[in-house]
């Protein structure tokens, strides 16, 4: 097989990835024990070879261009695979190491995943976790994420999903709110109530509440004086302080229900849920550090809703 890369070019690719991760040639140079000028020359050689500009440069920092972002995503994956191949050949597979970038939605992060991560780190101290907690769907290629958790069906077929649980939904309110307002008996009664709404991050539109009646699924639009966006837990704080009715995940409020500080509403119409899945790009050679994290979370969270 003909050689496509010499040692200098492979080194340039490594320095390119290091510069992209650190956000500056100076930081990359310090990490690689080189001078900033040497890193800059190496990146210039790479850009000349490719015929594209990979970075926009200022006096203080560098930023990837669109072409640079696409190239970085591919190079980062390729270099990771080379590292894993080297470890496998050297018998080092028993000690996974490196960084895993993980995206988690707020409620599932706080109530399910984050409590498990310290024990994972104790088991695999060589693995570093870069955890991003928010409610947006990340771009794996452009942002360099290894793993994410999503609560809805996948729109893109390029991702693999490992289902963890069907997270049940429940409508709740405080006893004080229910004393001031007539208890709703059917989903149609919600029209007379102050319902705390949550806007779906991908559309910005309020989410219809979901029920089941006589074996059929119902989608019910609701109204109220407060609309929350981005953070589901903000809506939970509001309902705990008497802000109205809220439909949320049962695992978030199960302790409130057990203590009686929140009451379940419309229980005969419950039964709906949303699938919680770990998702990641399909790839032939998954880095060991990602695989062991997936296996760990699946082992501890699969069927968590049924055990709650």
Protein backbone atom coordinates (compact mmCIF):
# COMPACT_ATOMS: atom_id res chain seq x y z
CA UNK A 1 0.00 0.00 0.00
CA UNK A 2 1.36 3.41 -0.99
CA UNK A 3 2.15 5.88 1.79
CA UNK A 4 -0.21 8.85 2.01
CA UNK A 5 1.33 10.54 5.05
CA UNK A 6 4.91 10.99 6.15
CA UNK A 7 5.91 11.48 9.80
CA UNK A 8 5.89 15.27 9.42
CA UNK A 9 2.36 15.32 8.05
CA UNK A 10 1.04 13.01 10.77
CA UNK A 11 2.64 15.32 13.32
CA UNK A 12 0.95 18.29 11.66
CA UNK A 13 -2.43 16.57 11.96
CA UNK A 14 -1.83 15.94 15.66
CA UNK A 15 -0.84 19.58 16.20
CA UNK A 16 -3.89 20.71 14.24
CA UNK A 17 -6.18 18.68 16.55
CA UNK A 18 -4.36 19.94 19.62
CA UNK A 19 -4.71 23.56 18.44
CA UNK A 20 -8.43 23.04 17.75
CA UNK A 21 -8.99 21.55 21.22
CA UNK A 22 -6.97 24.25 23.05
CA UNK A 23 -8.20 27.19 20.95
CA UNK A 24 -4.74 28.67 20.39
CA UNK A 25 -1.39 27.85 18.84
CA UNK A 26 0.35 29.03 22.01
CA UNK A 27 -1.58 26.59 24.23
CA UNK A 28 -1.01 23.77 21.74
CA UNK A 29 2.71 24.60 21.63
CA UNK A 30 2.95 24.47 25.43
CA UNK A 31 1.20 21.09 25.53
CA UNK A 32 3.49 19.71 22.81
CA UNK A 33 6.71 21.29 24.18
CA UNK A 34 7.19 23.28 20.98
CA UNK A 35 7.31 26.98 20.10
CA UNK A 36 4.16 28.73 18.86
CA UNK A 37 6.02 29.51 15.64
CA UNK A 38 6.66 25.79 15.06
CA UNK A 39 2.98 24.99 15.56
CA UNK A 40 1.97 27.81 13.21
CA UNK A 41 4.33 26.55 10.50
CA UNK A 42 3.01 23.02 10.92
CA UNK A 43 -0.60 24.18 10.49
CA UNK A 44 0.40 26.26 7.46
CA UNK A 45 1.94 23.16 5.84
CA UNK A 46 -1.27 21.24 6.46
CA UNK A 47 -3.43 24.04 4.99
CA UNK A 48 -1.17 24.20 1.93
CA UNK A 49 -1.50 20.45 1.42
CA UNK A 50 -5.29 20.57 1.70
CA UNK A 51 -5.74 23.83 -0.19
CA UNK A 52 -8.16 25.19 2.43
CA UNK A 53 -7.94 27.49 5.44
CA UNK A 54 -8.51 25.53 8.64
CA UNK A 55 -8.38 28.40 11.15
CA UNK A 56 -9.27 32.06 11.31
CA UNK A 57 -6.51 33.79 13.27
CA UNK A 58 -6.45 36.79 15.59
CA UNK A 59 -3.69 38.09 17.82
CA UNK A 60 -5.18 36.28 20.85
CA UNK A 61 -6.76 33.07 19.61
CA UNK A 62 -7.68 30.92 16.65
CA UNK A 63 -11.07 29.51 15.61
CA UNK A 64 -11.92 26.71 13.22
CA UNK A 65 -13.41 27.57 9.87
CA UNK A 66 -16.32 25.49 8.57
CA UNK A 67 -13.84 23.36 6.62
CA UNK A 68 -11.66 23.13 9.72
CA UNK A 69 -14.56 21.91 11.86
CA UNK A 70 -15.38 19.12 9.41
CA UNK A 71 -11.71 18.14 9.09
CA UNK A 72 -11.22 18.21 12.88
CA UNK A 73 -14.15 15.86 13.49
CA UNK A 74 -12.69 13.30 11.07
CA UNK A 75 -9.09 13.68 12.25
CA UNK A 76 -10.02 13.44 15.92
CA UNK A 77 -11.86 10.18 15.31
CA UNK A 78 -8.99 8.79 13.20
CA UNK A 79 -6.36 9.67 15.80
CA UNK A 80 -8.47 8.13 18.55
CA UNK A 81 -8.69 4.92 16.55
CA UNK A 82 -4.90 4.90 16.07
CA UNK A 83 -4.41 5.27 19.81
CA UNK A 84 -6.84 2.43 20.50
CA UNK A 85 -5.13 0.23 17.90
CA UNK A 86 -1.77 0.90 19.55
CA UNK A 87 -3.15 0.02 22.96
CA UNK A 88 -4.73 -3.16 21.63
CA UNK A 89 -1.47 -4.22 19.99
CA UNK A 90 0.45 -3.50 23.19
CA UNK A 91 -2.02 -5.30 25.43
CA UNK A 92 -3.14 -2.08 27.11
CA UNK A 93 -6.85 -2.57 26.43
CA UNK A 94 -7.47 -3.42 30.09
CA UNK A 95 -6.84 0.19 31.12
CA UNK A 96 -8.95 2.56 29.00
CA UNK A 97 -7.96 6.22 29.07
CA UNK A 98 -8.64 9.53 27.37
CA UNK A 99 -11.54 11.99 27.36
CA UNK A 100 -15.20 11.21 26.67
CA UNK A 101 -17.40 14.19 25.72
CA UNK A 102 -20.92 13.54 26.99
CA UNK A 103 -24.09 15.60 26.43
CA UNK A 104 -26.95 15.17 28.91
CA UNK A 105 -30.39 16.79 29.23
CA UNK A 106 -30.88 18.58 32.55
CA UNK A 107 -33.43 16.35 34.34
CA UNK A 108 -31.90 13.01 33.38
CA UNK A 109 -28.43 14.30 34.19
CA UNK A 110 -29.30 15.34 37.75
CA UNK A 111 -31.62 12.47 38.63
CA UNK A 112 -30.04 9.52 36.83
CA UNK A 113 -26.58 9.94 35.27
CA UNK A 114 -24.53 12.40 37.34
CA UNK A 115 -24.90 10.40 40.60
CA UNK A 116 -23.28 7.43 38.82
CA UNK A 117 -20.23 9.17 37.36
CA UNK A 118 -18.02 9.38 40.49
CA UNK A 119 -18.17 5.59 40.84
CA UNK A 120 -17.35 5.22 37.15
CA UNK A 121 -14.30 7.48 37.56
CA UNK A 122 -13.18 5.44 40.57
CA UNK A 123 -13.39 2.31 38.45
CA UNK A 124 -11.70 3.89 35.41
CA UNK A 125 -9.39 6.65 36.68
CA UNK A 126 -7.69 6.94 33.31
CA UNK A 127 -10.90 8.20 31.69
CA UNK A 128 -11.70 11.92 31.89
CA UNK A 129 -15.31 13.04 31.45
CA UNK A 130 -16.23 16.28 29.68
CA UNK A 131 -19.91 16.56 30.68
CA UNK A 132 -22.22 19.15 29.08
CA UNK A 133 -25.62 19.51 30.76
CA UNK A 134 -28.23 21.28 28.64
CA UNK A 135 -31.33 20.48 26.63
CA UNK A 136 -30.22 20.94 23.03
CA UNK A 137 -29.40 18.28 20.47
CA UNK A 138 -25.66 18.48 19.87
CA UNK A 139 -23.95 18.06 16.51
CA UNK A 140 -21.62 15.12 17.06
CA UNK A 141 -19.33 15.83 14.11
CA UNK A 142 -19.08 19.60 14.44
CA UNK A 143 -18.77 19.68 18.23
CA UNK A 144 -16.71 16.57 18.84
CA UNK A 145 -19.12 14.77 21.17
CA UNK A 146 -18.76 11.03 21.74
CA UNK A 147 -22.04 10.28 23.46
CA UNK A 148 -25.37 11.94 24.23
CA UNK A 149 -28.64 11.11 25.88
CA UNK A 150 -31.89 11.90 24.13
CA UNK A 151 -35.49 11.57 25.15
CA UNK A 152 -37.16 11.34 21.76
CA UNK A 153 -36.98 9.39 18.53
CA UNK A 154 -33.85 9.96 16.45
CA UNK A 155 -34.36 12.03 13.29
CA UNK A 156 -30.96 11.09 11.87
CA UNK A 157 -30.25 7.48 10.91
CA UNK A 158 -26.50 7.97 11.30
CA UNK A 159 -26.78 7.53 15.07
CA UNK A 160 -26.92 4.33 17.08
CA UNK A 161 -29.28 4.24 20.08
CA UNK A 162 -29.04 2.12 23.25
CA UNK A 163 -32.33 2.38 25.09
CA UNK A 164 -32.15 2.82 28.85
CA UNK A 165 -35.76 3.12 29.94
CA UNK A 166 -39.23 4.39 29.16
CA UNK A 167 -39.51 7.40 31.48
CA UNK A 168 -43.09 7.68 32.69
CA UNK A 169 -44.97 10.99 32.72
CA UNK A 170 -47.12 12.27 35.56
CA UNK A 171 -49.24 15.39 36.21
CA UNK A 172 -48.69 16.94 39.64
CA UNK A 173 -49.64 19.93 41.77
CA UNK A 174 -49.25 20.99 45.39
CA UNK A 175 -52.02 20.16 47.89
CA UNK A 176 -52.46 23.92 48.44
CA UNK A 177 -53.08 24.53 44.72
CA UNK A 178 -55.59 21.69 44.60
CA UNK A 179 -57.45 23.09 47.61
CA UNK A 180 -57.86 26.41 45.78
CA UNK A 181 -58.95 24.85 42.48
CA UNK A 182 -61.30 22.06 41.58
CA UNK A 183 -59.48 18.76 41.01
CA UNK A 184 -59.46 17.95 37.26
CA UNK A 185 -61.20 14.66 36.49
CA UNK A 186 -60.46 14.42 32.77
CA UNK A 187 -57.83 15.98 30.47
CA UNK A 188 -60.56 18.31 29.16
CA UNK A 189 -60.75 19.88 32.65
CA UNK A 190 -57.21 21.24 32.21
CA UNK A 191 -58.68 24.15 30.24
CA UNK A 192 -59.83 25.64 33.55
CA UNK A 193 -56.40 25.35 35.20
CA UNK A 194 -53.11 27.21 35.24
CA UNK A 195 -50.77 24.75 33.54
CA UNK A 196 -47.01 25.29 33.63
CA UNK A 197 -45.82 24.76 30.08
CA UNK A 198 -42.41 23.80 28.74
CA UNK A 199 -41.13 24.76 25.30
CA UNK A 200 -39.40 22.06 23.26
CA UNK A 201 -35.82 23.32 22.65
CA UNK A 202 -35.76 22.21 19.02
CA UNK A 203 -38.91 24.19 18.07
CA UNK A 204 -39.49 26.73 20.83
CA UNK A 205 -43.13 25.61 20.94
CA UNK A 206 -44.96 24.40 24.07
CA UNK A 207 -45.19 20.63 24.40
CA UNK A 208 -48.68 19.13 24.39
CA UNK A 209 -49.43 16.99 27.42
CA UNK A 210 -49.72 13.26 26.81
CA UNK A 211 -52.36 10.92 28.19
CA UNK A 212 -53.86 7.49 27.57
CA UNK A 213 -57.60 6.82 27.63
CA UNK A 214 -59.28 3.50 26.81
CA UNK A 215 -56.04 2.27 25.26
CA UNK A 216 -55.70 5.29 22.95
CA UNK A 217 -53.02 7.95 23.16
CA UNK A 218 -54.13 11.56 23.60
CA UNK A 219 -52.19 14.77 22.91
CA UNK A 220 -53.72 17.69 24.82
CA UNK A 221 -52.65 21.33 24.32
CA UNK A 222 -52.69 23.27 27.61
CA UNK A 223 -52.50 26.90 28.60
CA UNK A 224 -51.24 28.85 31.57
CA UNK A 225 -49.49 31.99 32.74
CA UNK A 226 -45.93 30.61 32.74
CA UNK A 227 -43.93 29.14 29.87
CA UNK A 228 -40.49 27.70 30.68
CA UNK A 229 -37.72 27.09 28.17
CA UNK A 230 -34.38 25.25 28.24
CA UNK A 231 -34.47 23.94 31.81
CA UNK A 232 -37.14 21.40 32.76
CA UNK A 233 -36.16 21.69 36.41
CA UNK A 234 -37.29 25.33 36.39
CA UNK A 235 -40.83 24.13 35.75
CA UNK A 236 -40.49 21.62 38.59
CA UNK A 237 -39.42 24.38 40.98
CA UNK A 238 -42.50 26.36 39.95
CA UNK A 239 -44.91 23.50 40.59
CA UNK A 240 -43.32 22.83 43.99
CA UNK A 241 -44.13 26.41 44.94
CA UNK A 242 -47.77 26.23 43.90
CA UNK A 243 -47.41 27.62 40.39
CA UNK A 244 -50.08 25.36 38.91
CA UNK A 245 -50.26 21.93 37.31
CA UNK A 246 -47.26 20.37 35.59
CA UNK A 247 -46.69 17.27 33.52
CA UNK A 248 -43.15 16.03 34.03
CA UNK A 249 -41.12 12.85 34.37
CA UNK A 250 -42.17 10.73 37.32
CA UNK A 251 -38.54 10.11 38.33
CA UNK A 252 -38.08 13.84 39.01
CA UNK A 253 -40.97 14.11 41.48
CA UNK A 254 -41.17 10.59 42.94
CA UNK A 255 -39.74 11.79 46.28
CA UNK A 256 -42.23 14.70 46.36
CA UNK A 257 -45.08 12.25 45.76
CA UNK A 258 -43.82 9.92 48.48
CA UNK A 259 -43.66 12.82 50.99
CA UNK A 260 -47.03 14.21 49.93
CA UNK A 261 -45.65 17.64 49.03
CA UNK A 262 -46.98 17.04 45.52
CA UNK A 263 -50.10 15.12 44.53
CA UNK A 264 -50.67 13.14 41.35
CA UNK A 265 -53.47 14.43 39.13
CA UNK A 266 -55.38 12.55 36.39
CA UNK A 267 -53.90 9.19 37.43
CA UNK A 268 -56.53 7.22 35.42
CA UNK A 269 -55.14 8.86 32.26
CA UNK A 270 -51.47 8.16 33.01
CA UNK A 271 -49.38 5.56 31.22
CA UNK A 272 -47.52 7.63 28.65
CA UNK A 273 -43.72 7.75 28.63
CA UNK A 274 -40.73 8.88 26.60
CA UNK A 275 -37.83 6.63 25.63
CA UNK A 276 -34.45 7.55 27.13
CA UNK A 277 -31.55 6.40 24.99
CA UNK A 278 -27.80 6.79 24.81
CA UNK A 279 -26.93 7.79 21.25
CA UNK A 280 -23.62 7.95 19.41
CA UNK A 281 -22.34 7.99 15.83
CA UNK A 282 -22.08 4.65 14.09
CA UNK A 283 -18.42 3.77 13.73
CA UNK A 284 -16.49 0.64 12.96
CA UNK A 285 -13.96 1.03 15.78
CA UNK A 286 -15.39 2.58 18.92
CA UNK A 287 -12.79 3.87 21.39
CA UNK A 288 -12.62 1.65 24.46
CA UNK A 289 -13.19 4.60 26.81
CA UNK A 290 -16.56 5.29 25.12
CA UNK A 291 -17.55 1.64 25.04
CA UNK A 292 -16.91 1.08 28.76
CA UNK A 293 -18.94 4.19 29.66
CA UNK A 294 -21.85 3.02 27.50
CA UNK A 295 -21.75 -0.46 29.05
CA UNK A 296 -21.56 1.01 32.56
CA UNK A 297 -24.57 3.32 32.09
CA UNK A 298 -26.65 0.68 30.33
CA UNK A 299 -25.96 -1.82 33.11
CA UNK A 300 -27.04 0.61 35.82
CA UNK A 301 -29.86 2.47 34.13
CA UNK A 302 -31.52 -0.06 31.82
CA UNK A 303 -35.03 -0.48 33.14
CA UNK A 304 -34.52 2.17 35.82
CA UNK A 305 -38.11 3.36 35.44
CA UNK A 306 -39.45 -0.11 36.13
CA UNK A 307 -37.38 -0.33 39.33
CA UNK A 308 -38.38 3.12 40.61
